[in-house]
Protein backbone atom coordinates (compact mmCIF):
# COMPACT_ATOMS: atom_id res chain seq x y z
CA MET A 1 75.92 46.70 78.88
CA ILE A 2 77.32 45.96 75.43
CA GLN A 3 80.88 45.94 76.80
CA THR A 4 79.87 43.42 79.49
CA LEU A 5 78.21 41.13 76.97
CA ALA A 6 81.22 41.38 74.66
CA PHE A 7 83.57 40.56 77.55
CA TYR A 8 81.67 37.44 78.56
CA LEU A 9 81.36 36.37 74.93
CA PHE A 10 85.08 36.74 74.18
CA ALA A 11 86.10 35.22 77.53
CA THR A 12 83.84 32.18 77.04
CA LEU A 13 85.13 31.63 73.51
CA VAL A 14 88.76 31.91 74.67
CA VAL A 15 88.23 29.29 77.40
CA VAL A 16 86.35 26.94 75.06
CA ALA A 17 88.94 27.35 72.29
CA GLY A 18 91.75 26.71 74.79
CA LEU A 19 90.13 23.50 76.00
CA LEU A 20 89.55 22.32 72.43
CA THR A 21 93.17 23.17 71.56
CA VAL A 22 94.40 20.83 74.29
CA THR A 23 91.84 18.05 73.83
CA ALA A 24 91.68 17.92 70.00
CA ARG A 25 92.99 14.63 68.59
CA ASN A 26 93.85 16.08 65.20
CA PRO A 27 96.88 18.41 65.48
CA VAL A 28 95.66 20.55 62.57
CA HIS A 29 92.33 21.09 64.34
CA SER A 30 94.26 21.94 67.49
CA VAL A 31 96.19 24.70 65.69
CA LEU A 32 92.98 26.07 64.18
CA TRP A 33 91.39 26.25 67.64
CA LEU A 34 94.54 28.02 68.85
CA ILE A 35 94.15 30.65 66.12
CA PHE A 36 90.51 31.09 67.14
CA ALA A 37 91.61 31.60 70.77
CA PHE A 38 94.12 34.27 69.67
CA PHE A 39 91.42 36.22 67.83
CA ASN A 40 89.12 36.21 70.85
CA ALA A 41 91.98 37.19 73.16
CA ALA A 42 92.64 40.13 70.84
CA GLY A 43 88.99 41.12 71.28
CA LEU A 44 89.47 41.11 75.07
CA MET A 45 92.52 43.35 74.71
CA LEU A 46 90.49 45.81 72.65
CA LEU A 47 87.87 45.98 75.39
CA VAL A 48 90.44 47.06 77.99
CA GLY A 49 91.99 49.64 75.63
CA ALA A 50 95.21 47.75 74.83
CA GLU A 51 94.92 47.92 71.06
CA PHE A 52 98.68 47.43 70.61
CA ILE A 53 98.60 44.04 72.33
CA ALA A 54 95.52 43.10 70.29
CA MET A 55 97.39 43.99 67.11
CA LEU A 56 100.38 41.90 68.22
CA LEU A 57 98.13 38.92 68.91
CA VAL A 58 96.66 39.06 65.41
CA ILE A 59 99.78 39.95 63.43
CA VAL A 60 102.50 38.07 65.32
CA TYR A 61 100.76 35.05 66.84
CA VAL A 62 98.05 34.41 64.25
CA GLY A 63 99.95 35.64 61.22
CA ALA A 64 103.30 34.06 62.03
CA VAL A 65 103.51 31.59 64.88
CA ALA A 66 100.22 29.73 64.50
CA VAL A 67 100.28 29.67 60.69
CA LEU A 68 103.90 28.50 60.66
CA PHE A 69 103.08 25.78 63.16
CA LEU A 70 100.10 24.76 61.04
CA PHE A 71 102.27 24.40 57.93
CA VAL A 72 104.90 22.44 59.89
CA VAL A 73 102.25 20.05 61.25
CA MET A 74 100.75 19.55 57.78
CA MET A 75 104.09 19.09 55.99
CA LEU A 76 105.97 16.87 58.45
CA ASP A 77 105.14 13.22 58.85
CA ILE A 78 104.99 13.14 62.66
CA ASP A 79 103.90 10.02 64.51
CA PHE A 80 101.72 11.60 67.20
CA ALA A 81 100.82 8.21 68.66
CA GLU A 82 104.48 7.67 69.48
CA LEU A 83 104.73 11.14 71.00
CA ARG A 84 101.74 10.50 73.26
CA SER A 85 103.19 7.19 74.44
CA GLY A 86 105.71 8.99 76.66
CA ILE A 87 103.13 11.09 78.54
CA ALA A 88 102.87 8.67 81.48
CA ARG A 89 106.65 8.58 81.89
CA TYR A 90 107.02 12.38 82.05
CA PHE A 91 103.77 13.04 83.95
CA PRO A 92 105.46 13.48 87.40
CA PHE A 93 107.96 15.92 85.91
CA GLY A 94 105.10 17.89 84.32
CA ILE A 95 103.20 18.06 87.61
CA ALA A 96 106.34 19.27 89.40
CA LEU A 97 106.90 21.94 86.74
CA VAL A 98 103.30 23.12 87.05
CA GLY A 99 103.74 23.36 90.83
CA VAL A 100 106.89 25.46 90.45
CA LEU A 101 105.23 27.83 87.97
CA ALA A 102 102.15 28.16 90.19
CA GLY A 103 104.37 28.93 93.20
CA GLU A 104 106.25 31.60 91.25
CA THR A 105 102.96 33.17 90.16
CA ILE A 106 101.64 33.25 93.73
CA PHE A 107 104.94 34.68 94.98
CA ALA A 108 104.89 37.41 92.32
CA ILE A 109 101.32 38.40 93.18
CA GLY A 110 102.19 38.50 96.89
CA ALA A 111 105.27 40.63 96.25
CA TRP A 112 103.17 42.98 94.13
CA LYS A 113 100.59 43.45 96.89
CA ALA A 114 103.18 43.71 99.65
CA GLY A 115 104.92 46.71 98.11
CA GLY A 116 102.97 49.19 100.23
CA VAL A 117 102.26 51.44 97.23
CA GLU A 118 98.80 52.17 95.94
CA LEU A 119 97.85 50.72 92.58
CA ALA A 120 97.18 54.19 91.16
CA ASN A 121 100.78 55.21 91.88
CA ARG A 122 102.22 52.11 90.19
CA ILE A 123 100.60 52.84 86.86
CA ALA A 124 102.58 55.13 84.55
CA PRO A 125 100.68 58.42 84.14
CA THR A 126 99.43 58.75 80.57
CA PRO A 127 97.12 61.50 79.37
CA ALA A 128 93.72 60.31 78.25
CA GLU A 129 94.05 61.96 74.85
CA VAL A 130 97.28 60.08 74.01
CA PRO A 131 96.65 56.75 72.22
CA ASN A 132 98.01 53.57 73.73
CA ILE A 133 100.31 52.83 70.79
CA GLN A 134 101.74 56.37 70.80
CA ALA A 135 102.48 56.26 74.54
CA LEU A 136 104.12 52.84 74.24
CA GLY A 137 106.21 53.89 71.24
CA THR A 138 107.38 57.05 73.02
CA LEU A 139 108.43 55.01 76.05
CA ILE A 140 110.25 52.36 74.01
CA TYR A 141 112.20 54.84 71.84
CA THR A 142 113.22 57.11 74.73
CA ARG A 143 113.61 55.36 78.09
CA TYR A 144 114.08 51.79 76.86
CA LEU A 145 115.86 52.56 73.57
CA TYR A 146 119.07 50.65 74.34
CA ILE A 147 117.16 47.62 75.63
CA PHE A 148 115.02 47.66 72.49
CA GLU A 149 118.10 47.86 70.26
CA GLY A 150 119.74 45.06 72.25
CA ALA A 151 116.72 42.83 71.66
CA GLY A 152 116.97 43.64 67.96
CA LEU A 153 120.65 42.63 67.93
CA VAL A 154 119.82 39.33 69.63
CA LEU A 155 117.21 38.59 66.96
CA LEU A 156 119.69 39.59 64.24
CA VAL A 157 122.30 37.17 65.60
CA ALA A 158 119.69 34.41 65.69
CA LEU A 159 118.70 35.20 62.10
CA ILE A 160 122.30 35.12 60.88
CA GLY A 161 122.88 31.85 62.74
CA ALA A 162 119.84 30.26 61.10
CA ILE A 163 121.04 31.38 57.66
CA VAL A 164 124.56 30.04 58.27
CA LEU A 165 123.23 26.67 59.45
CA THR A 166 120.88 26.42 56.49
CA HIS A 167 123.37 27.40 53.77
CA ARG A 168 126.21 25.14 54.86
CA ALA A 169 128.32 23.39 52.23
CA ARG A 170 126.64 20.30 50.78
CA GLY A 171 127.99 17.79 48.31
CA GLY A 172 126.27 16.84 45.09
CA VAL A 173 124.28 20.10 44.82
CA ARG A 174 124.10 21.97 41.52
CA VAL A 175 124.86 25.65 42.04
CA GLN A 176 123.22 28.30 39.91
CA ASN A 177 125.63 30.10 37.56
CA ILE A 178 123.97 33.39 36.66
CA ALA A 179 126.76 34.55 34.30
CA ARG A 180 126.52 31.32 32.29
CA GLN A 181 122.75 31.66 32.09
CA ASN A 182 123.00 35.23 30.80
CA GLN A 183 125.49 34.18 28.08
CA ARG A 184 123.14 31.58 26.62
CA THR A 185 121.65 32.31 23.22
CA PRO A 186 118.46 30.91 21.68
CA LYS A 187 120.67 28.76 19.44
CA ASP A 188 122.23 27.10 22.52
CA ALA A 189 118.95 26.70 24.36
CA ILE A 190 116.78 25.29 21.56
CA ARG A 191 117.41 22.11 19.57
CA MET A 192 115.21 21.46 16.54
CA THR A 193 114.54 17.81 15.71
CA ASP A 194 112.48 16.10 13.04
CA PRO A 195 111.92 12.52 14.26
CA ALA A 196 110.23 9.98 12.08
CA VAL A 197 106.89 8.50 12.99
CA GLY A 198 107.22 6.03 15.86
CA GLU A 199 110.86 6.83 16.67
CA GLY A 200 110.33 9.39 19.40
CA VAL A 201 112.71 12.10 20.53
CA GLU A 202 116.27 11.50 21.74
CA LEU A 203 117.04 13.11 25.10
């Protein structure tokens, strides 16, 4: 009974938060509603026993993606009125894209049901006493180890590329000289002056 009430509560809040995320006029409020939807989706994952996915929703999406997007929205001076002005022009393309995605989803569900294998045989057998995170970690670091390492290499290449693009050579930038800073003495860093009244300090 409690699980049913919790499911309907989390599901209702996820739907409401999703609608408010799309319909909110203020982009900051939209991101906050998105974070709220992530938390409730994590609650749904806990109800079905997928605590690893719930942890990913909170740590990755809430702690990184949504917060980063919130800071970007707050820091950048984006003209959202100008962005919304092109909605009517790209509306047919958006409808076509939605139709393609819906068709792919329907095709995938049909292919899943047309396999001729019972659902119980498609699920990987996992003992009840083994936690979800332990079973997933064992599978990733044994059967899918090379794929997991390949994904890590792709992310490493993207990280190095971002660093290279950020730290490109720029003109007129003062570079920090650590050796020169360490060689400074208090005599070089401090200048004692005794200005007269009303004369001020020379810079």
